[in-house]
Protein backbone atom coordinates (compact mmCIF):
# COMPACT_ATOMS: atom_id res chain seq x y z
CA UNK A 1 217.17 165.71 -73.87
CA UNK A 2 213.98 166.02 -71.28
CA UNK A 3 211.54 163.30 -71.87
CA UNK A 4 208.14 164.32 -74.06
CA UNK A 5 204.95 164.56 -72.30
CA UNK A 6 201.57 165.59 -74.37
CA UNK A 7 200.18 168.04 -71.96
CA UNK A 8 203.06 170.24 -72.58
CA UNK A 9 203.12 169.47 -76.07
CA UNK A 10 199.09 170.21 -76.51
CA UNK A 11 199.70 173.30 -74.41
CA UNK A 12 202.37 174.88 -76.15
CA UNK A 13 200.83 174.33 -79.77
CA UNK A 14 197.55 176.01 -78.08
CA UNK A 15 199.25 179.22 -77.03
CA UNK A 16 201.07 179.16 -81.12
CA UNK A 17 197.53 178.98 -82.44
CA UNK A 18 197.66 175.28 -84.11
CA UNK A 19 195.14 174.06 -85.30
CA UNK A 20 193.36 171.66 -82.73
CA UNK A 21 193.62 168.69 -85.09
CA UNK A 22 197.06 168.85 -86.15
CA UNK A 23 197.69 169.08 -82.51
CA UNK A 24 195.74 166.08 -82.07
CA UNK A 25 197.22 164.13 -85.08
CA UNK A 26 200.70 164.78 -83.42
CA UNK A 27 199.56 163.47 -80.05
CA UNK A 28 198.23 160.32 -81.66
CA UNK A 29 201.39 159.62 -83.61
CA UNK A 30 203.54 159.81 -80.64
CA UNK A 31 200.79 157.27 -78.51
CA UNK A 32 201.57 154.65 -80.86
CA UNK A 33 205.20 155.35 -81.17
CA UNK A 34 205.19 155.26 -77.28
CA UNK A 35 203.23 151.73 -77.26
CA UNK A 36 205.91 150.51 -79.36
CA UNK A 37 208.92 152.11 -78.01
CA UNK A 38 208.10 153.90 -74.66
CA UNK A 39 211.86 155.36 -74.20
CA UNK A 40 211.88 157.40 -77.78
CA UNK A 41 211.11 160.28 -78.38
CA UNK A 42 208.74 161.37 -80.75
CA UNK A 43 209.92 163.10 -84.45
CA UNK A 44 206.82 163.96 -86.31
CA UNK A 45 208.70 165.95 -89.65
CA UNK A 46 212.23 166.70 -90.53
CA UNK A 47 211.24 170.53 -89.85
CA UNK A 48 210.87 169.06 -86.06
CA UNK A 49 214.06 166.83 -86.22
CA UNK A 50 215.88 170.44 -87.39
CA UNK A 51 214.33 172.19 -83.91
CA UNK A 52 215.43 169.20 -81.90
CA UNK A 53 218.80 169.03 -83.55
CA UNK A 54 218.74 172.66 -83.77
CA UNK A 55 220.22 171.96 -87.49
CA UNK A 56 219.24 173.77 -90.94
CA UNK A 57 216.15 172.80 -92.02
CA UNK A 58 217.18 173.58 -95.08
CA UNK A 59 220.57 172.02 -94.99
CA UNK A 60 218.93 168.47 -93.71
CA UNK A 61 216.41 168.59 -97.13
CA UNK A 62 219.45 168.73 -99.18
CA UNK A 63 220.88 165.64 -97.70
CA UNK A 64 217.38 163.64 -97.86
CA UNK A 65 217.03 165.06 -101.74
CA UNK A 66 220.64 163.71 -102.35
CA UNK A 67 220.38 167.24 -103.70
CA UNK A 68 223.77 168.60 -102.05
CA UNK A 69 227.50 168.02 -102.74
CA UNK A 70 228.60 164.83 -100.70
CA UNK A 71 228.15 166.08 -97.28
CA UNK A 72 230.71 163.40 -96.17
CA UNK A 73 235.03 164.16 -96.47
CA UNK A 74 236.05 161.10 -97.82
CA UNK A 75 239.47 159.57 -97.30
CA UNK A 76 241.46 156.24 -97.14
CA UNK A 77 243.27 154.61 -94.52
CA UNK A 78 245.57 151.36 -95.10
CA UNK A 79 244.60 148.27 -93.64
CA UNK A 80 246.97 145.43 -92.32
CA UNK A 81 247.76 143.29 -95.78
CA UNK A 82 246.49 139.67 -96.03
CA UNK A 83 248.86 137.00 -97.15
CA UNK A 84 248.61 136.72 -101.11
CA UNK A 85 246.62 139.94 -101.61
CA UNK A 86 248.34 143.53 -102.23
CA UNK A 87 247.90 146.88 -100.55
CA UNK A 88 244.14 147.33 -98.53
CA UNK A 89 242.54 150.31 -97.68
CA UNK A 90 239.43 151.33 -95.86
CA UNK A 91 237.20 154.20 -96.74
CA UNK A 92 236.65 156.82 -94.11
CA UNK A 93 233.45 158.74 -94.86
CA UNK A 94 233.47 161.81 -91.80
CA UNK A 95 229.65 164.40 -92.18
CA UNK A 96 230.05 167.74 -92.73
CA UNK A 97 229.33 169.81 -88.79
CA UNK A 98 225.65 169.82 -89.26
CA UNK A 99 225.40 166.43 -90.15
CA UNK A 100 227.50 165.45 -87.56
CA UNK A 101 225.84 166.98 -85.28
CA UNK A 102 222.78 165.49 -86.30
CA UNK A 103 224.04 161.91 -86.69
CA UNK A 104 224.94 162.34 -83.02
CA UNK A 105 221.84 163.64 -81.83
CA UNK A 106 220.00 160.29 -83.50
CA UNK A 107 222.92 158.44 -81.93
CA UNK A 108 222.36 159.37 -78.50
CA UNK A 109 218.96 159.97 -78.16
CA UNK A 110 217.63 157.33 -80.60
CA UNK A 111 220.02 154.28 -81.50
CA UNK A 112 221.55 154.02 -77.73
CA UNK A 113 218.26 153.34 -76.58
CA UNK A 114 217.35 150.60 -78.67
CA UNK A 115 219.66 147.04 -78.02
CA UNK A 116 221.07 144.89 -79.79
CA UNK A 117 221.40 141.44 -80.41
CA UNK A 118 222.96 139.61 -77.38
CA UNK A 119 225.48 138.11 -80.30
CA UNK A 120 226.68 141.53 -80.51
CA UNK A 121 229.61 142.69 -78.76
CA UNK A 122 230.52 145.98 -79.60
CA UNK A 123 229.11 149.70 -80.25
CA UNK A 124 226.74 149.21 -77.56
CA UNK A 125 227.05 151.06 -74.10
CA UNK A 126 229.54 148.98 -72.10
CA UNK A 127 230.85 146.62 -74.65
CA UNK A 128 234.09 145.69 -74.02
CA UNK A 129 236.56 143.61 -76.40
CA UNK A 130 237.36 141.31 -72.87
CA UNK A 131 233.77 140.45 -72.83
CA UNK A 132 233.84 139.77 -76.54
CA UNK A 133 236.37 137.19 -76.21
CA UNK A 134 235.43 135.66 -73.01
CA UNK A 135 232.59 132.90 -74.31
CA UNK A 136 235.39 131.54 -76.46
CA UNK A 137 238.06 130.92 -73.89
CA UNK A 138 239.38 127.28 -73.71
CA UNK A 139 237.05 126.53 -76.45
CA UNK A 140 238.44 123.20 -78.35
CA UNK A 141 237.60 124.57 -81.76
CA UNK A 142 237.60 128.14 -82.95
CA UNK A 143 236.11 129.20 -86.08
CA UNK A 144 236.76 132.85 -87.69
CA UNK A 145 234.98 134.71 -90.30
CA UNK A 146 235.04 138.26 -91.56
CA UNK A 147 232.77 140.17 -93.66
CA UNK A 148 233.78 141.95 -96.43
CA UNK A 149 232.61 145.98 -96.39
CA UNK A 150 230.09 145.53 -93.78
CA UNK A 151 228.60 148.97 -93.24
CA UNK A 152 228.90 149.88 -97.16
CA UNK A 153 226.77 146.61 -97.75
CA UNK A 154 223.62 147.84 -95.38
CA UNK A 155 221.50 149.99 -98.07
CA UNK A 156 219.05 152.59 -96.97
CA UNK A 157 216.44 150.60 -97.29
CA UNK A 158 217.14 148.39 -94.21
CA UNK A 159 218.39 151.59 -92.34
CA UNK A 160 214.58 152.60 -93.08
CA UNK A 161 212.96 149.34 -91.50
CA UNK A 162 215.39 149.88 -88.54
CA UNK A 163 213.57 153.22 -88.06
CA UNK A 164 210.39 151.64 -88.90
CA UNK A 165 210.69 148.96 -85.98
CA UNK A 166 211.29 151.77 -83.88
CA UNK A 167 207.72 152.70 -84.43
CA UNK A 168 208.38 156.18 -86.10
CA UNK A 169 206.09 157.17 -89.22
CA UNK A 170 206.87 155.89 -92.84
CA UNK A 171 208.23 159.36 -93.99
CA UNK A 172 210.30 160.26 -91.16
CA UNK A 173 211.96 156.93 -90.92
CA UNK A 174 212.58 157.85 -94.96
CA UNK A 175 214.34 160.60 -93.92
CA UNK A 176 216.17 159.37 -90.99
CA UNK A 177 217.82 156.49 -93.12
CA UNK A 178 218.61 159.25 -95.74
CA UNK A 179 220.37 161.36 -93.28
CA UNK A 180 221.86 158.12 -91.94
CA UNK A 181 223.23 156.72 -95.42
CA UNK A 182 225.54 158.30 -98.16
CA UNK A 183 225.47 157.03 -102.26
CA UNK A 184 228.73 155.67 -102.82
CA UNK A 185 230.75 155.75 -106.04
CA UNK A 186 229.37 153.28 -108.68
CA UNK A 187 231.34 150.43 -108.25
CA UNK A 188 231.01 146.90 -109.27
CA UNK A 189 228.96 145.85 -106.38
CA UNK A 190 226.85 148.78 -106.22
CA UNK A 191 225.84 148.17 -110.43
CA UNK A 192 223.17 145.29 -109.56
CA UNK A 193 219.53 145.83 -109.03
CA UNK A 194 219.61 146.28 -105.21
CA UNK A 195 221.63 149.66 -105.93
CA UNK A 196 219.48 150.63 -108.76
CA UNK A 197 216.20 149.75 -107.97
CA UNK A 198 213.24 150.84 -110.36
CA UNK A 199 212.14 154.03 -109.96
CA UNK A 200 208.39 155.41 -108.49
CA UNK A 201 207.02 157.90 -111.06
CA UNK A 202 204.13 157.96 -108.77
CA UNK A 203 206.17 159.26 -105.63
CA UNK A 204 204.55 161.25 -103.82
CA UNK A 205 207.79 163.53 -102.96
CA UNK A 206 209.15 163.68 -106.64
CA UNK A 207 212.26 165.69 -104.81
CA UNK A 208 213.33 162.48 -102.85
CA UNK A 209 213.89 160.07 -105.94
CA UNK A 210 217.46 159.31 -106.35
CA UNK A 211 218.95 157.39 -108.95
CA UNK A 212 220.95 154.64 -106.56
CA UNK A 213 220.29 153.47 -103.01
CA UNK A 214 222.92 154.76 -100.18
CA UNK A 215 224.63 152.93 -97.60
CA UNK A 216 225.73 153.21 -94.22
CA UNK A 217 229.08 155.40 -94.50
CA UNK A 218 232.08 154.04 -91.98
CA UNK A 219 232.87 157.05 -89.83
CA UNK A 220 229.01 158.39 -89.33
CA UNK A 221 228.69 158.72 -85.72
CA UNK A 222 225.22 156.45 -86.51
CA UNK A 223 226.97 153.62 -88.76
CA UNK A 224 227.83 151.58 -86.04
CA UNK A 225 224.77 151.48 -83.99
CA UNK A 226 222.42 151.09 -86.74
CA UNK A 227 224.83 147.77 -88.18
CA UNK A 228 223.91 146.08 -85.21
CA UNK A 229 220.10 146.94 -85.42
CA UNK A 230 220.22 146.09 -89.21
CA UNK A 231 221.61 142.17 -88.40
CA UNK A 232 219.36 141.72 -85.52
CA UNK A 233 217.38 138.74 -87.43
CA UNK A 234 221.03 137.61 -89.37
CA UNK A 235 222.84 137.08 -85.88
CA UNK A 236 219.74 135.28 -84.49
CA UNK A 237 219.26 132.93 -87.53
CA UNK A 238 223.71 132.35 -87.12
CA UNK A 239 222.97 131.89 -83.37
CA UNK A 240 220.47 129.27 -84.23
CA UNK A 241 223.00 127.67 -86.49
CA UNK A 242 225.81 127.79 -83.73
CA UNK A 243 223.40 126.23 -81.34
CA UNK A 244 222.37 123.18 -83.35
CA UNK A 245 225.74 122.37 -84.06
CA UNK A 246 227.33 122.85 -80.47
CA UNK A 247 228.79 125.97 -81.16
CA UNK A 248 228.91 129.59 -79.41
CA UNK A 249 228.37 132.24 -81.84
CA UNK A 250 229.18 136.09 -81.46
CA UNK A 251 229.84 139.02 -83.78
CA UNK A 252 232.14 141.97 -83.44
CA UNK A 253 231.39 144.28 -85.97
CA UNK A 254 231.88 142.24 -88.86
CA UNK A 255 234.22 140.15 -87.22
CA UNK A 256 232.21 136.60 -86.92
CA UNK A 257 233.28 133.85 -84.01
CA UNK A 258 232.06 130.35 -83.54
CA UNK A 259 233.59 128.21 -81.23
CA UNK A 260 232.82 124.79 -79.05
CA UNK A 261 234.18 122.95 -75.78
CA UNK A 262 232.67 119.78 -77.73
CA UNK A 263 234.92 116.74 -79.48
CA UNK A 264 234.26 117.99 -82.78
CA UNK A 265 235.64 117.35 -86.81
CA UNK A 266 236.66 119.47 -89.20
CA UNK A 267 233.67 118.46 -91.32
CA UNK A 268 231.61 119.87 -88.07
CA UNK A 269 233.37 123.41 -88.85
CA UNK A 270 233.11 123.06 -92.55
CA UNK A 271 229.02 122.85 -92.27
CA UNK A 272 228.84 125.93 -89.49
CA UNK A 273 231.16 127.70 -92.20
CA UNK A 274 228.62 127.07 -95.24
CA UNK A 275 225.47 127.53 -93.47
CA UNK A 276 226.62 130.94 -92.30
CA UNK A 277 227.83 131.95 -95.95
CA UNK A 278 224.29 131.05 -97.16
CA UNK A 279 222.37 133.24 -94.26
CA UNK A 280 225.29 136.02 -94.78
CA UNK A 281 224.29 135.96 -98.35
CA UNK A 282 220.39 136.36 -97.66
CA UNK A 283 221.18 139.50 -96.13
CA UNK A 284 223.66 141.11 -99.00
CA UNK A 285 227.13 140.00 -97.27
CA UNK A 286 229.74 138.73 -98.50
CA UNK A 287 232.66 136.53 -96.45
CA UNK A 288 235.97 136.96 -97.16
CA UNK A 289 237.67 133.68 -98.10
CA UNK A 290 240.90 135.04 -97.02
CA UNK A 291 240.22 135.58 -93.42
CA UNK A 292 238.10 132.46 -92.70
CA UNK A 293 240.05 129.97 -90.59
CA UNK A 294 239.47 127.08 -88.62
CA UNK A 295 241.34 126.81 -85.14
CA UNK A 296 241.55 122.97 -84.10
CA UNK A 297 242.31 121.33 -80.61
CA UNK A 298 245.95 122.36 -79.49
CA UNK A 299 246.08 124.91 -81.51
CA UNK A 300 246.90 128.79 -80.33
CA UNK A 301 243.75 130.60 -80.63
CA UNK A 302 243.61 134.33 -81.04
CA UNK A 303 240.78 136.03 -81.07
CA UNK A 304 240.26 140.02 -82.05
CA UNK A 305 244.05 140.45 -81.05
CA UNK A 306 243.74 138.60 -77.37
CA UNK A 307 244.38 135.26 -76.63
CA UNK A 308 241.71 132.71 -75.61
CA UNK A 309 243.43 129.76 -74.44
CA UNK A 310 243.36 130.77 -71.32
CA UNK A 311 240.27 130.82 -68.70
CA UNK A 312 240.42 134.82 -69.03
CA UNK A 313 241.53 136.79 -72.25
CA UNK A 314 244.90 137.91 -72.15
CA UNK A 315 247.01 139.97 -74.46
CA UNK A 316 248.89 138.42 -77.27
CA UNK A 317 252.46 137.63 -77.39
CA UNK A 318 253.39 139.97 -79.85
CA UNK A 319 251.71 143.03 -78.25
CA UNK A 320 252.73 142.07 -75.33
CA UNK A 321 256.69 142.08 -76.66
CA UNK A 322 255.77 145.35 -79.21
CA UNK A 323 255.11 146.94 -75.19
CA UNK A 324 258.17 145.61 -73.45
CA UNK A 325 260.61 146.82 -76.68
CA UNK A 326 258.97 150.08 -76.37
CA UNK A 327 259.69 150.30 -72.85
CA UNK A 328 263.16 149.22 -73.37
CA UNK A 329 264.14 151.47 -76.16
CA UNK A 330 262.47 154.67 -74.30
CA UNK A 331 264.51 153.95 -71.41
CA UNK A 332 267.91 153.31 -72.54
CA UNK A 333 270.39 156.28 -72.15
CA UNK A 334 271.32 156.11 -75.74
CA UNK A 335 267.90 155.85 -77.39
CA UNK A 336 264.97 157.27 -75.95
CA UNK A 337 261.88 158.90 -76.92
CA UNK A 338 262.89 161.05 -79.52
CA UNK A 339 265.20 158.26 -81.30
CA UNK A 340 262.92 155.62 -80.84
CA UNK A 341 259.97 157.61 -82.28
CA UNK A 342 261.77 158.69 -85.48
CA UNK A 343 263.10 155.44 -86.05
CA UNK A 344 259.81 154.07 -85.96
CA UNK A 345 258.15 156.48 -88.86
CA UNK A 346 256.41 158.93 -86.26
CA UNK A 347 257.02 162.42 -87.58
CA UNK A 348 256.80 163.77 -84.02
CA UNK A 349 257.27 162.54 -80.23
CA UNK A 350 254.41 163.68 -79.24
CA UNK A 351 252.35 161.15 -82.14
CA UNK A 352 254.03 158.65 -80.91
CA UNK A 353 253.35 159.14 -76.97
CA UNK A 354 249.74 159.10 -77.87
CA UNK A 355 250.11 155.92 -79.68
CA UNK A 356 252.11 154.01 -76.82
CA UNK A 357 249.46 154.81 -74.30
CA UNK A 358 246.49 153.82 -76.61
CA UNK A 359 248.28 150.66 -76.12
CA UNK A 360 248.60 151.04 -72.71
CA UNK A 361 245.16 151.73 -71.95
CA UNK A 362 244.02 148.94 -74.31
CA UNK A 363 246.36 146.75 -71.92
CA UNK A 364 244.69 147.75 -69.06
CA UNK A 365 241.22 146.56 -69.64
CA UNK A 366 242.67 143.42 -70.39
CA UNK A 367 245.83 142.61 -68.06
CA UNK A 368 245.77 145.83 -65.75
CA UNK A 369 248.42 144.83 -63.77
CA UNK A 370 250.69 143.84 -66.05
CA UNK A 371 249.43 147.51 -67.51
CA UNK A 372 250.09 149.17 -63.71
CA UNK A 373 253.54 147.92 -64.27
CA UNK A 374 254.41 149.68 -67.55
CA UNK A 375 252.91 152.81 -66.85
CA UNK A 376 255.21 152.92 -63.41
CA UNK A 377 258.28 152.63 -65.52
CA UNK A 378 257.27 154.84 -68.53
CA UNK A 379 256.47 157.55 -65.95
CA UNK A 380 260.35 157.85 -65.58
CA UNK A 381 260.61 159.00 -68.79
CA UNK A 382 261.27 162.68 -69.47
CA UNK A 383 259.20 163.34 -72.70
CA UNK A 384 260.37 166.26 -75.35
CA UNK A 385 258.14 168.75 -75.81
């Protein structure tokens, strides 16, 4: 979008016959925002946002008021099972078209311009999984921790504070937070006071009252970057804990990693885990103890699916072997793409082809040479239509 300039705004307002006091107040509001965040565009009201986005003000107002039928299409996808646990699922919530348009505008015009903490290595422009693993390569000790329901644990009040820190006015920040959050089902985790605050009978906008707080929905284009911005203080405190203990800390979404090249012991690792867990609790998160692990000296260290034992991140042995098996069966004269895809349970050969080339593209980020050889071999395959 074009850069906002007060001169153009004043001229346009005068041409439209807008009251001078209204114009001057808007210019003052924009100036205050620019003092804090020079790169962000002013948003004066929900109506102004609707105009900027090209969306219906009435539809946005309904979302903010929580009046509308849930504006998300919700479904579950299966997660990788953990030892000793049953089936696990991740809930994905895809916003309706008008809300998707609005959230994409917020993501590309606001959130992308605000940096996350340096320990955050996902969802920001230029982030690569290789760069997330690199600081932990050749470590002596590696601690891995996982946050339960990361996005869903961030409520709309936290999101509101993100927009307030940017410099937006209270009402606009509130409306932006509502547009980026969703009221989920009243699960056991959302029955406490945190999710059911005491209602304020003196609210200036009664239609904005809601019985429960919303949370970041996984599947909304705004959620990843908002999550990073919402936990900047948490990342800072975890970095401090890691530094004092001789560890390096990084976070890739809900995956936390602490590594050290020092000659430490398990007691030091347990202390880091305990301190990190306490900090997460303060910020409303829970640790998935089943996915917390400590990798000692001499052990095989895999982080985010990559091997971190060498100087540079490498593909895991499992992924390399899987890609080589695919190549073997695809090139086998008695098997080929159709039979191989069917045996793996894919509904179509095209679906398997997309899956395979996605894996190869991922491998190219980590080991370009290995991926190049695979691409040359796969180019020989005659894929059925």
